[in-house]
Amino acid sequence: MSPSMQNMLIRLMLAQAQECAFEKMVLPGIHNQYFNLLRVAQEAAKVSEVYSTVHQLITQAPIKEHVPVAWSYTVQVKLEHYRALAHYFVAVAMLDHQCEYCVLLA
């Protein structure tokens, strides 16, 4: 197995571990508190970032030829999914709590 393939597989496993950490964080439920929502958004963004790195590696020539196409599509879907979750939780935090923190900033 080539070093580039090993690197991609290691990054994929790290992405899956990061995804598990995110799921563990949100499994008990997400409290509608400003900083809690931002922390969840940040964790989702981390998952998306790691999957983005995997997607870049998996689409390179030496690896692309030895990995099923479905893997590439799955990684891309996961990276977009967690990016969307990050955007969603930031939007919820800003919309639901804008009045509370506008007063503090003013």
N, C-alpha and C. Protein backbone atom coordinates (compact mmCIF):
# COMPACT_ATOMS: atom_id res chain seq x y z
N MET A 1 0.85 -1.17 0.00
CA MET A 1 0.00 0.00 0.00
C MET A 1 0.90 1.24 0.00
N SER A 2 0.56 2.17 -0.85
CA SER A 2 1.38 3.37 -1.01
C SER A 2 1.20 4.31 0.19
N PRO A 3 2.21 5.14 0.43
CA PRO A 3 2.09 6.11 1.53
C PRO A 3 0.92 7.08 1.34
N SER A 4 0.63 7.47 0.09
CA SER A 4 -0.49 8.38 -0.15
C SER A 4 -1.82 7.72 0.18
N MET A 5 -1.94 6.43 -0.12
CA MET A 5 -3.16 5.69 0.22
C MET A 5 -3.29 5.56 1.74
N GLN A 6 -2.20 5.26 2.40
CA GLN A 6 -2.22 5.17 3.86
C GLN A 6 -2.61 6.50 4.49
N ASN A 7 -2.06 7.58 3.97
CA ASN A 7 -2.38 8.91 4.48
C ASN A 7 -3.87 9.20 4.31
N MET A 8 -4.42 8.87 3.16
CA MET A 8 -5.85 9.10 2.92
C MET A 8 -6.70 8.28 3.88
N LEU A 9 -6.34 7.01 4.08
CA LEU A 9 -7.12 6.16 4.98
C LEU A 9 -7.03 6.64 6.43
N ILE A 10 -5.86 7.13 6.82
CA ILE A 10 -5.71 7.68 8.17
C ILE A 10 -6.60 8.91 8.33
N ARG A 11 -6.58 9.79 7.33
CA ARG A 11 -7.42 10.99 7.38
C ARG A 11 -8.90 10.63 7.40
N LEU A 12 -9.27 9.59 6.66
CA LEU A 12 -10.67 9.15 6.64
C LEU A 12 -11.09 8.65 8.02
N MET A 13 -10.22 7.88 8.67
CA MET A 13 -10.54 7.40 10.01
C MET A 13 -10.61 8.55 11.01
N LEU A 14 -9.74 9.55 10.86
CA LEU A 14 -9.81 10.73 11.73
C LEU A 14 -11.12 11.49 11.51
N ALA A 15 -11.55 11.58 10.27
CA ALA A 15 -12.82 12.25 9.97
C ALA A 15 -13.98 11.50 10.61
N GLN A 16 -13.94 10.18 10.55
CA GLN A 16 -15.00 9.38 11.15
C GLN A 16 -14.98 9.54 12.68
N ALA A 17 -13.79 9.63 13.26
CA ALA A 17 -13.70 9.83 14.71
C ALA A 17 -14.24 11.21 15.09
N GLN A 18 -13.94 12.22 14.29
CA GLN A 18 -14.46 13.57 14.54
C GLN A 18 -15.98 13.58 14.42
N GLU A 19 -16.49 12.82 13.45
CA GLU A 19 -17.94 12.70 13.28
C GLU A 19 -18.57 12.04 14.51
N CYS A 20 -17.92 11.03 15.04
CA CYS A 20 -18.42 10.37 16.25
C CYS A 20 -18.43 11.33 17.44
N ALA A 21 -17.40 12.16 17.55
CA ALA A 21 -17.34 13.15 18.63
C ALA A 21 -18.50 14.13 18.49
N PHE A 22 -18.80 14.54 17.26
CA PHE A 22 -19.93 15.44 17.04
C PHE A 22 -21.24 14.76 17.44
N GLU A 23 -21.44 13.53 17.01
CA GLU A 23 -22.66 12.80 17.34
C GLU A 23 -22.80 12.62 18.85
N LYS A 24 -21.69 12.35 19.52
CA LYS A 24 -21.72 12.21 20.98
C LYS A 24 -22.13 13.52 21.65
N MET A 25 -21.70 14.64 21.07
CA MET A 25 -22.03 15.95 21.62
C MET A 25 -23.52 16.24 21.49
N VAL A 26 -24.11 15.91 20.36
CA VAL A 26 -25.50 16.29 20.12
C VAL A 26 -26.50 15.20 20.51
N LEU A 27 -26.02 14.01 20.81
CA LEU A 27 -26.93 12.91 21.16
C LEU A 27 -27.83 13.21 22.35
N PRO A 28 -27.32 13.79 23.44
CA PRO A 28 -28.20 14.09 24.57
C PRO A 28 -29.21 15.21 24.29
N GLY A 29 -29.02 15.92 23.22
CA GLY A 29 -29.91 17.03 22.88
C GLY A 29 -29.13 18.33 22.83
N ILE A 30 -29.65 19.27 22.11
CA ILE A 30 -28.99 20.55 21.94
C ILE A 30 -29.82 21.62 22.64
N HIS A 31 -29.24 22.25 23.63
CA HIS A 31 -29.94 23.32 24.35
C HIS A 31 -29.88 24.59 23.53
N ASN A 32 -30.98 25.29 23.48
CA ASN A 32 -31.07 26.51 22.69
C ASN A 32 -30.47 27.68 23.48
N GLN A 33 -29.16 27.59 23.67
CA GLN A 33 -28.40 28.66 24.32
C GLN A 33 -27.34 29.13 23.33
N TYR A 34 -27.08 30.40 23.31
CA TYR A 34 -26.22 31.00 22.30
C TYR A 34 -24.87 30.29 22.17
N PHE A 35 -24.12 30.19 23.25
CA PHE A 35 -22.77 29.62 23.17
C PHE A 35 -22.81 28.11 22.93
N ASN A 36 -23.83 27.46 23.39
CA ASN A 36 -23.98 26.03 23.12
C ASN A 36 -24.21 25.79 21.63
N LEU A 37 -25.06 26.61 21.02
CA LEU A 37 -25.31 26.48 19.59
C LEU A 37 -24.06 26.77 18.78
N LEU A 38 -23.29 27.76 19.21
CA LEU A 38 -22.04 28.08 18.50
C LEU A 38 -21.01 26.97 18.65
N ARG A 39 -20.98 26.33 19.82
CA ARG A 39 -20.06 25.21 20.02
C ARG A 39 -20.42 24.04 19.11
N VAL A 40 -21.71 23.76 18.98
CA VAL A 40 -22.17 22.69 18.09
C VAL A 40 -21.82 23.05 16.64
N ALA A 41 -22.03 24.30 16.27
CA ALA A 41 -21.69 24.75 14.91
C ALA A 41 -20.19 24.60 14.65
N GLN A 42 -19.39 24.94 15.64
CA GLN A 42 -17.95 24.83 15.49
C GLN A 42 -17.53 23.37 15.32
N GLU A 43 -18.13 22.49 16.07
CA GLU A 43 -17.81 21.06 15.96
C GLU A 43 -18.22 20.53 14.58
N ALA A 44 -19.39 20.94 14.09
CA ALA A 44 -19.83 20.52 12.76
C ALA A 44 -18.88 21.05 11.69
N ALA A 45 -18.39 22.26 11.87
CA ALA A 45 -17.43 22.84 10.91
C ALA A 45 -16.12 22.07 10.92
N LYS A 46 -15.69 21.60 12.10
CA LYS A 46 -14.48 20.79 12.17
C LYS A 46 -14.65 19.49 11.40
N VAL A 47 -15.80 18.85 11.57
CA VAL A 47 -16.07 17.61 10.84
C VAL A 47 -16.04 17.87 9.34
N SER A 48 -16.67 18.93 8.91
CA SER A 48 -16.68 19.28 7.49
C SER A 48 -15.28 19.54 6.98
N GLU A 49 -14.47 20.22 7.75
CA GLU A 49 -13.10 20.53 7.34
C GLU A 49 -12.27 19.27 7.16
N VAL A 50 -12.41 18.32 8.08
CA VAL A 50 -11.65 17.07 7.99
C VAL A 50 -12.11 16.27 6.77
N TYR A 51 -13.41 16.21 6.53
CA TYR A 51 -13.91 15.52 5.35
C TYR A 51 -13.48 16.23 4.07
N SER A 52 -13.32 17.54 4.11
CA SER A 52 -12.83 18.28 2.94
C SER A 52 -11.40 17.86 2.60
N THR A 53 -10.58 17.70 3.63
CA THR A 53 -9.21 17.23 3.41
C THR A 53 -9.21 15.83 2.80
N VAL A 54 -10.06 14.96 3.31
CA VAL A 54 -10.17 13.60 2.77
C VAL A 54 -10.62 13.65 1.32
N HIS A 55 -11.58 14.52 1.02
CA HIS A 55 -12.08 14.62 -0.35
C HIS A 55 -10.98 15.09 -1.30
N GLN A 56 -10.16 16.02 -0.86
CA GLN A 56 -9.04 16.46 -1.70
C GLN A 56 -8.06 15.33 -1.96
N LEU A 57 -7.80 14.52 -0.93
CA LEU A 57 -6.86 13.41 -1.09
C LEU A 57 -7.44 12.29 -1.95
N ILE A 58 -8.72 12.03 -1.77
CA ILE A 58 -9.35 10.88 -2.44
C ILE A 58 -9.54 11.13 -3.94
N THR A 59 -9.52 12.38 -4.35
CA THR A 59 -9.72 12.70 -5.77
C THR A 59 -8.41 12.88 -6.53
N GLN A 60 -7.28 12.69 -5.86
CA GLN A 60 -5.99 12.78 -6.54
C GLN A 60 -5.71 11.50 -7.33
N ALA A 61 -4.92 11.65 -8.38
CA ALA A 61 -4.69 10.57 -9.34
C ALA A 61 -4.25 9.23 -8.75
N PRO A 62 -3.23 9.14 -7.91
CA PRO A 62 -2.84 7.79 -7.49
C PRO A 62 -3.89 7.08 -6.63
N ILE A 63 -4.64 7.84 -5.86
CA ILE A 63 -5.63 7.24 -4.97
C ILE A 63 -6.94 7.00 -5.69
N LYS A 64 -7.31 7.92 -6.54
CA LYS A 64 -8.59 7.88 -7.25
C LYS A 64 -8.78 6.56 -8.01
N GLU A 65 -7.69 6.03 -8.52
CA GLU A 65 -7.75 4.81 -9.33
C GLU A 65 -8.00 3.55 -8.50
N HIS A 66 -7.73 3.62 -7.19
CA HIS A 66 -7.82 2.42 -6.35
C HIS A 66 -8.96 2.47 -5.33
N VAL A 67 -9.74 3.53 -5.36
CA VAL A 67 -10.83 3.70 -4.40
C VAL A 67 -12.15 3.72 -5.15
N PRO A 68 -13.16 3.02 -4.64
CA PRO A 68 -14.47 3.06 -5.31
C PRO A 68 -15.01 4.50 -5.41
N VAL A 69 -15.68 4.78 -6.50
CA VAL A 69 -16.23 6.12 -6.74
C VAL A 69 -17.24 6.47 -5.64
N ALA A 70 -17.94 5.49 -5.13
CA ALA A 70 -18.93 5.73 -4.08
C ALA A 70 -18.29 6.35 -2.84
N TRP A 71 -17.04 6.01 -2.55
CA TRP A 71 -16.35 6.59 -1.40
C TRP A 71 -16.20 8.09 -1.58
N SER A 72 -15.79 8.49 -2.77
CA SER A 72 -15.61 9.92 -3.06
C SER A 72 -16.92 10.67 -2.90
N TYR A 73 -17.99 10.11 -3.44
CA TYR A 73 -19.30 10.76 -3.34
C TYR A 73 -19.78 10.82 -1.89
N THR A 74 -19.56 9.75 -1.15
CA THR A 74 -19.98 9.72 0.25
C THR A 74 -19.23 10.77 1.07
N VAL A 75 -17.94 10.88 0.84
CA VAL A 75 -17.14 11.88 1.55
C VAL A 75 -17.61 13.28 1.19
N GLN A 76 -17.91 13.51 -0.08
CA GLN A 76 -18.39 14.83 -0.50
C GLN A 76 -19.74 15.17 0.13
N VAL A 77 -20.64 14.20 0.18
CA VAL A 77 -21.95 14.42 0.80
C VAL A 77 -21.78 14.74 2.28
N LYS A 78 -20.89 13.99 2.96
CA LYS A 78 -20.69 14.24 4.39
C LYS A 78 -20.08 15.62 4.63
N LEU A 79 -19.15 16.02 3.79
CA LEU A 79 -18.54 17.34 4.00
C LEU A 79 -19.56 18.45 3.80
N GLU A 80 -20.43 18.31 2.81
CA GLU A 80 -21.48 19.33 2.58
C GLU A 80 -22.54 19.28 3.67
N HIS A 81 -22.86 18.08 4.14
CA HIS A 81 -23.86 17.92 5.20
C HIS A 81 -23.41 18.63 6.48
N TYR A 82 -22.19 18.38 6.90
CA TYR A 82 -21.71 18.99 8.14
C TYR A 82 -21.45 20.48 7.96
N ARG A 83 -21.09 20.92 6.77
CA ARG A 83 -20.96 22.37 6.51
C ARG A 83 -22.33 23.03 6.65
N ALA A 84 -23.36 22.38 6.10
CA ALA A 84 -24.72 22.93 6.21
C ALA A 84 -25.19 22.95 7.67
N LEU A 85 -24.86 21.91 8.42
CA LEU A 85 -25.22 21.91 9.85
C LEU A 85 -24.54 23.05 10.59
N ALA A 86 -23.28 23.31 10.27
CA ALA A 86 -22.57 24.41 10.91
C ALA A 86 -23.26 25.73 10.60
N HIS A 87 -23.62 25.94 9.35
CA HIS A 87 -24.31 27.17 8.97
C HIS A 87 -25.68 27.26 9.66
N TYR A 88 -26.37 26.14 9.74
CA TYR A 88 -27.69 26.13 10.38
C TYR A 88 -27.60 26.55 11.84
N PHE A 89 -26.66 25.95 12.59
CA PHE A 89 -26.57 26.25 14.02
C PHE A 89 -26.10 27.68 14.27
N VAL A 90 -25.25 28.22 13.42
CA VAL A 90 -24.86 29.62 13.56
C VAL A 90 -26.08 30.51 13.29
N ALA A 91 -26.85 30.17 12.27
CA ALA A 91 -28.04 30.96 11.95
C ALA A 91 -29.06 30.91 13.09
N VAL A 92 -29.28 29.74 13.65
CA VAL A 92 -30.21 29.62 14.77
C VAL A 92 -29.73 30.45 15.96
N ALA A 93 -28.44 30.38 16.24
CA ALA A 93 -27.89 31.16 17.35
C ALA A 93 -28.09 32.65 17.12
N MET A 94 -27.84 33.10 15.90
CA MET A 94 -27.96 34.52 15.62
C MET A 94 -29.41 34.99 15.61
N LEU A 95 -30.30 34.18 15.07
CA LEU A 95 -31.71 34.59 14.99
C LEU A 95 -32.42 34.51 16.33
N ASP A 96 -32.21 33.44 17.06
CA ASP A 96 -32.92 33.25 18.32
C ASP A 96 -32.38 34.12 19.45
N HIS A 97 -31.14 34.53 19.35
CA HIS A 97 -30.53 35.23 20.47
C HIS A 97 -29.99 36.61 20.09
N GLN A 98 -30.45 37.16 18.99
CA GLN A 98 -29.90 38.43 18.54
C GLN A 98 -30.23 39.58 19.50
N CYS A 99 -31.39 39.58 20.07
CA CYS A 99 -31.77 40.69 20.97
C CYS A 99 -30.97 40.66 22.25
N GLU A 100 -30.68 39.47 22.78
CA GLU A 100 -29.94 39.36 24.02
C GLU A 100 -28.54 39.93 23.89
N TYR A 101 -27.88 39.66 22.76
CA TYR A 101 -26.50 40.06 22.62
C TYR A 101 -26.33 41.40 21.91
N CYS A 102 -27.36 41.91 21.27
CA CYS A 102 -27.30 43.27 20.72
C CYS A 102 -27.22 44.29 21.85
N VAL A 103 -27.93 44.01 22.92
CA VAL A 103 -27.92 44.90 24.08
C VAL A 103 -26.53 44.93 24.69
N LEU A 104 -25.87 43.75 24.75
CA LEU A 104 -24.54 43.69 25.33
C LEU A 104 -23.52 44.44 24.49
N LEU A 105 -23.68 44.39 23.17
CA LEU A 105 -22.73 45.04 22.27
C LEU A 105 -22.93 46.55 22.21
N ALA A 106 -24.14 47.01 22.47
CA ALA A 106 -24.44 48.44 22.34
C ALA A 106 -23.91 49.27 23.48
